[in-house]
Amino acid sequence: MEALEAAQREIKSLLASIPTDAHDGERNRVLSQLQSIIHQLEKVQNGTTTYLKAQELLLSANNKLRQLQIK
């Protein structure tokens, strides 16, 4: 449960801090934070009550990571 809660806090913070006109340095910071969040979400163990929510967030974070890497 701790990994999910930490990831949710980081996601909220990250989403609040992403500028619409991010330059490369800012984009790299966001990419790094997303990778950290993904790593935390991957720690949520299967069979726990938070696992499904963690998987939803993991999918969303991976999609956002791919979007940012394409730009």
N, C-alpha and C. Protein backbone atom coordinates (compact mmCIF):
# COMPACT_ATOMS: atom_id res chain seq x y z
N MET A 1 0.82 -1.19 0.00
CA MET A 1 0.00 0.00 0.00
C MET A 1 0.87 1.26 0.00
N GLU A 2 2.01 1.21 0.66
CA GLU A 2 2.88 2.38 0.71
C GLU A 2 3.35 2.79 -0.68
N ALA A 3 3.71 1.83 -1.52
CA ALA A 3 4.20 2.15 -2.86
C ALA A 3 3.11 2.84 -3.67
N LEU A 4 1.88 2.38 -3.55
CA LEU A 4 0.78 3.00 -4.29
C LEU A 4 0.53 4.42 -3.80
N GLU A 5 0.50 4.60 -2.49
CA GLU A 5 0.26 5.94 -1.95
C GLU A 5 1.38 6.91 -2.33
N ALA A 6 2.61 6.45 -2.29
CA ALA A 6 3.73 7.30 -2.67
C ALA A 6 3.63 7.66 -4.15
N ALA A 7 3.29 6.69 -4.98
CA ALA A 7 3.15 6.95 -6.41
C ALA A 7 2.03 7.93 -6.68
N GLN A 8 0.92 7.78 -5.98
CA GLN A 8 -0.20 8.70 -6.18
C GLN A 8 0.19 10.13 -5.79
N ARG A 9 0.94 10.29 -4.70
CA ARG A 9 1.41 11.63 -4.30
C ARG A 9 2.33 12.21 -5.36
N GLU A 10 3.23 11.39 -5.88
CA GLU A 10 4.17 11.87 -6.91
C GLU A 10 3.44 12.24 -8.19
N ILE A 11 2.45 11.45 -8.57
CA ILE A 11 1.67 11.75 -9.77
C ILE A 11 0.96 13.08 -9.62
N LYS A 12 0.34 13.29 -8.48
CA LYS A 12 -0.38 14.55 -8.24
C LYS A 12 0.58 15.74 -8.32
N SER A 13 1.73 15.59 -7.70
CA SER A 13 2.74 16.65 -7.72
C SER A 13 3.27 16.89 -9.13
N LEU A 14 3.53 15.82 -9.85
CA LEU A 14 4.07 15.92 -11.21
C LEU A 14 3.07 16.59 -12.14
N LEU A 15 1.81 16.18 -12.07
CA LEU A 15 0.80 16.76 -12.94
C LEU A 15 0.62 18.25 -12.67
N ALA A 16 0.76 18.64 -11.43
CA ALA A 16 0.63 20.05 -11.07
C ALA A 16 1.81 20.88 -11.55
N SER A 17 2.95 20.22 -11.78
CA SER A 17 4.16 20.97 -12.12
C SER A 17 4.53 20.95 -13.60
N ILE A 18 3.79 20.23 -14.43
CA ILE A 18 4.15 20.14 -15.85
C ILE A 18 3.70 21.41 -16.58
N PRO A 19 4.63 22.21 -17.06
CA PRO A 19 4.25 23.39 -17.83
C PRO A 19 3.85 22.98 -19.25
N THR A 20 2.99 23.77 -19.86
CA THR A 20 2.52 23.43 -21.20
C THR A 20 3.61 23.62 -22.25
N ASP A 21 4.57 24.48 -21.99
CA ASP A 21 5.63 24.75 -22.97
C ASP A 21 7.00 24.31 -22.42
N ALA A 22 7.04 23.07 -21.96
CA ALA A 22 8.26 22.57 -21.33
C ALA A 22 9.42 22.49 -22.32
N HIS A 23 10.56 22.99 -21.89
CA HIS A 23 11.77 22.87 -22.71
C HIS A 23 12.43 21.53 -22.41
N ASP A 24 13.51 21.21 -23.09
CA ASP A 24 14.13 19.89 -22.97
C ASP A 24 14.53 19.54 -21.54
N GLY A 25 15.10 20.48 -20.82
CA GLY A 25 15.50 20.21 -19.44
C GLY A 25 14.32 19.87 -18.56
N GLU A 26 13.26 20.61 -18.74
CA GLU A 26 12.04 20.37 -17.97
C GLU A 26 11.43 19.03 -18.37
N ARG A 27 11.42 18.74 -19.66
CA ARG A 27 10.87 17.48 -20.13
C ARG A 27 11.67 16.30 -19.57
N ASN A 28 12.97 16.44 -19.52
CA ASN A 28 13.81 15.38 -18.96
C ASN A 28 13.52 15.16 -17.48
N ARG A 29 13.25 16.24 -16.76
CA ARG A 29 12.89 16.12 -15.34
C ARG A 29 11.59 15.34 -15.19
N VAL A 30 10.61 15.66 -16.03
CA VAL A 30 9.32 14.98 -15.99
C VAL A 30 9.48 13.50 -16.35
N LEU A 31 10.29 13.22 -17.38
CA LEU A 31 10.54 11.82 -17.77
C LEU A 31 11.16 11.04 -16.61
N SER A 32 12.11 11.66 -15.94
CA SER A 32 12.77 11.02 -14.81
C SER A 32 11.78 10.73 -13.68
N GLN A 33 10.92 11.69 -13.39
CA GLN A 33 9.93 11.50 -12.34
C GLN A 33 8.94 10.40 -12.72
N LEU A 34 8.53 10.37 -13.97
CA LEU A 34 7.61 9.33 -14.43
C LEU A 34 8.24 7.95 -14.28
N GLN A 35 9.51 7.84 -14.62
CA GLN A 35 10.20 6.56 -14.47
C GLN A 35 10.27 6.14 -13.01
N SER A 36 10.45 7.10 -12.13
CA SER A 36 10.47 6.81 -10.69
C SER A 36 9.10 6.32 -10.22
N ILE A 37 8.05 6.96 -10.70
CA ILE A 37 6.68 6.56 -10.35
C ILE A 37 6.40 5.15 -10.85
N ILE A 38 6.79 4.88 -12.08
CA ILE A 38 6.59 3.55 -12.67
C ILE A 38 7.29 2.50 -11.82
N HIS A 39 8.50 2.80 -11.39
CA HIS A 39 9.25 1.86 -10.57
C HIS A 39 8.51 1.59 -9.25
N GLN A 40 7.95 2.62 -8.63
CA GLN A 40 7.20 2.44 -7.39
C GLN A 40 5.95 1.60 -7.62
N LEU A 41 5.24 1.87 -8.70
CA LEU A 41 4.02 1.13 -8.99
C LEU A 41 4.30 -0.34 -9.26
N GLU A 42 5.43 -0.62 -9.85
CA GLU A 42 5.80 -2.01 -10.13
C GLU A 42 6.06 -2.80 -8.85
N LYS A 43 6.27 -2.12 -7.73
CA LYS A 43 6.52 -2.78 -6.46
C LYS A 43 5.24 -3.27 -5.78
N VAL A 44 4.08 -2.77 -6.21
CA VAL A 44 2.81 -3.19 -5.59
C VAL A 44 2.58 -4.65 -5.94
N GLN A 45 2.40 -5.46 -4.92
CA GLN A 45 2.32 -6.90 -5.12
C GLN A 45 0.94 -7.35 -5.58
N ASN A 46 0.96 -8.32 -6.49
CA ASN A 46 -0.26 -8.94 -7.00
C ASN A 46 -1.00 -9.59 -5.83
N GLY A 47 -2.31 -9.48 -5.85
CA GLY A 47 -3.12 -10.08 -4.79
C GLY A 47 -3.45 -9.12 -3.67
N THR A 48 -2.83 -7.94 -3.67
CA THR A 48 -3.15 -6.96 -2.64
C THR A 48 -4.37 -6.15 -3.07
N THR A 49 -4.99 -5.48 -2.12
CA THR A 49 -6.19 -4.70 -2.44
C THR A 49 -5.89 -3.51 -3.33
N THR A 50 -4.67 -3.07 -3.37
CA THR A 50 -4.30 -1.90 -4.17
C THR A 50 -3.73 -2.27 -5.53
N TYR A 51 -3.59 -3.55 -5.80
CA TYR A 51 -2.92 -3.99 -7.03
C TYR A 51 -3.61 -3.48 -8.30
N LEU A 52 -4.95 -3.60 -8.37
CA LEU A 52 -5.65 -3.18 -9.59
C LEU A 52 -5.50 -1.68 -9.84
N LYS A 53 -5.60 -0.89 -8.78
CA LYS A 53 -5.43 0.56 -8.91
C LYS A 53 -4.00 0.87 -9.36
N ALA A 54 -3.04 0.16 -8.80
CA ALA A 54 -1.64 0.37 -9.18
C ALA A 54 -1.44 0.03 -10.65
N GLN A 55 -2.09 -1.01 -11.13
CA GLN A 55 -1.96 -1.39 -12.54
C GLN A 55 -2.57 -0.33 -13.45
N GLU A 56 -3.69 0.26 -13.03
CA GLU A 56 -4.29 1.35 -13.81
C GLU A 56 -3.33 2.54 -13.90
N LEU A 57 -2.77 2.91 -12.75
CA LEU A 57 -1.83 4.02 -12.72
C LEU A 57 -0.57 3.71 -13.52
N LEU A 58 -0.13 2.46 -13.45
CA LEU A 58 1.05 2.04 -14.20
C LEU A 58 0.83 2.17 -15.70
N LEU A 59 -0.32 1.74 -16.16
CA LEU A 59 -0.66 1.86 -17.57
C LEU A 59 -0.68 3.33 -18.00
N SER A 60 -1.31 4.16 -17.18
CA SER A 60 -1.40 5.59 -17.48
C SER A 60 -0.01 6.23 -17.50
N ALA A 61 0.81 5.90 -16.52
CA ALA A 61 2.16 6.47 -16.45
C ALA A 61 3.01 6.03 -17.64
N ASN A 62 2.90 4.77 -18.01
CA ASN A 62 3.65 4.28 -19.18
C ASN A 62 3.19 4.96 -20.46
N ASN A 63 1.89 5.19 -20.60
CA ASN A 63 1.38 5.89 -21.78
C ASN A 63 1.90 7.32 -21.84
N LYS A 64 1.89 8.00 -20.71
CA LYS A 64 2.38 9.38 -20.65
C LYS A 64 3.88 9.42 -20.96
N LEU A 65 4.61 8.44 -20.44
CA LEU A 65 6.04 8.37 -20.71
C LEU A 65 6.30 8.23 -22.20
N ARG A 66 5.55 7.35 -22.86
CA ARG A 66 5.71 7.17 -24.31
C ARG A 66 5.39 8.46 -25.06
N GLN A 67 4.33 9.15 -24.65
CA GLN A 67 3.95 10.41 -25.30
C GLN A 67 5.07 11.43 -25.21
N LEU A 68 5.65 11.55 -24.05
CA LEU A 68 6.71 12.55 -23.84
C LEU A 68 7.99 12.17 -24.57
N GLN A 69 8.25 10.88 -24.72
CA GLN A 69 9.46 10.44 -25.41
C GLN A 69 9.37 10.68 -26.90
N ILE A 70 8.17 10.69 -27.45
CA ILE A 70 7.97 10.89 -28.89
C ILE A 70 8.22 12.35 -29.27
N LYS A 71 7.87 13.27 -28.39
CA LYS A 71 7.98 14.71 -28.71
C LYS A 71 9.40 15.15 -28.88
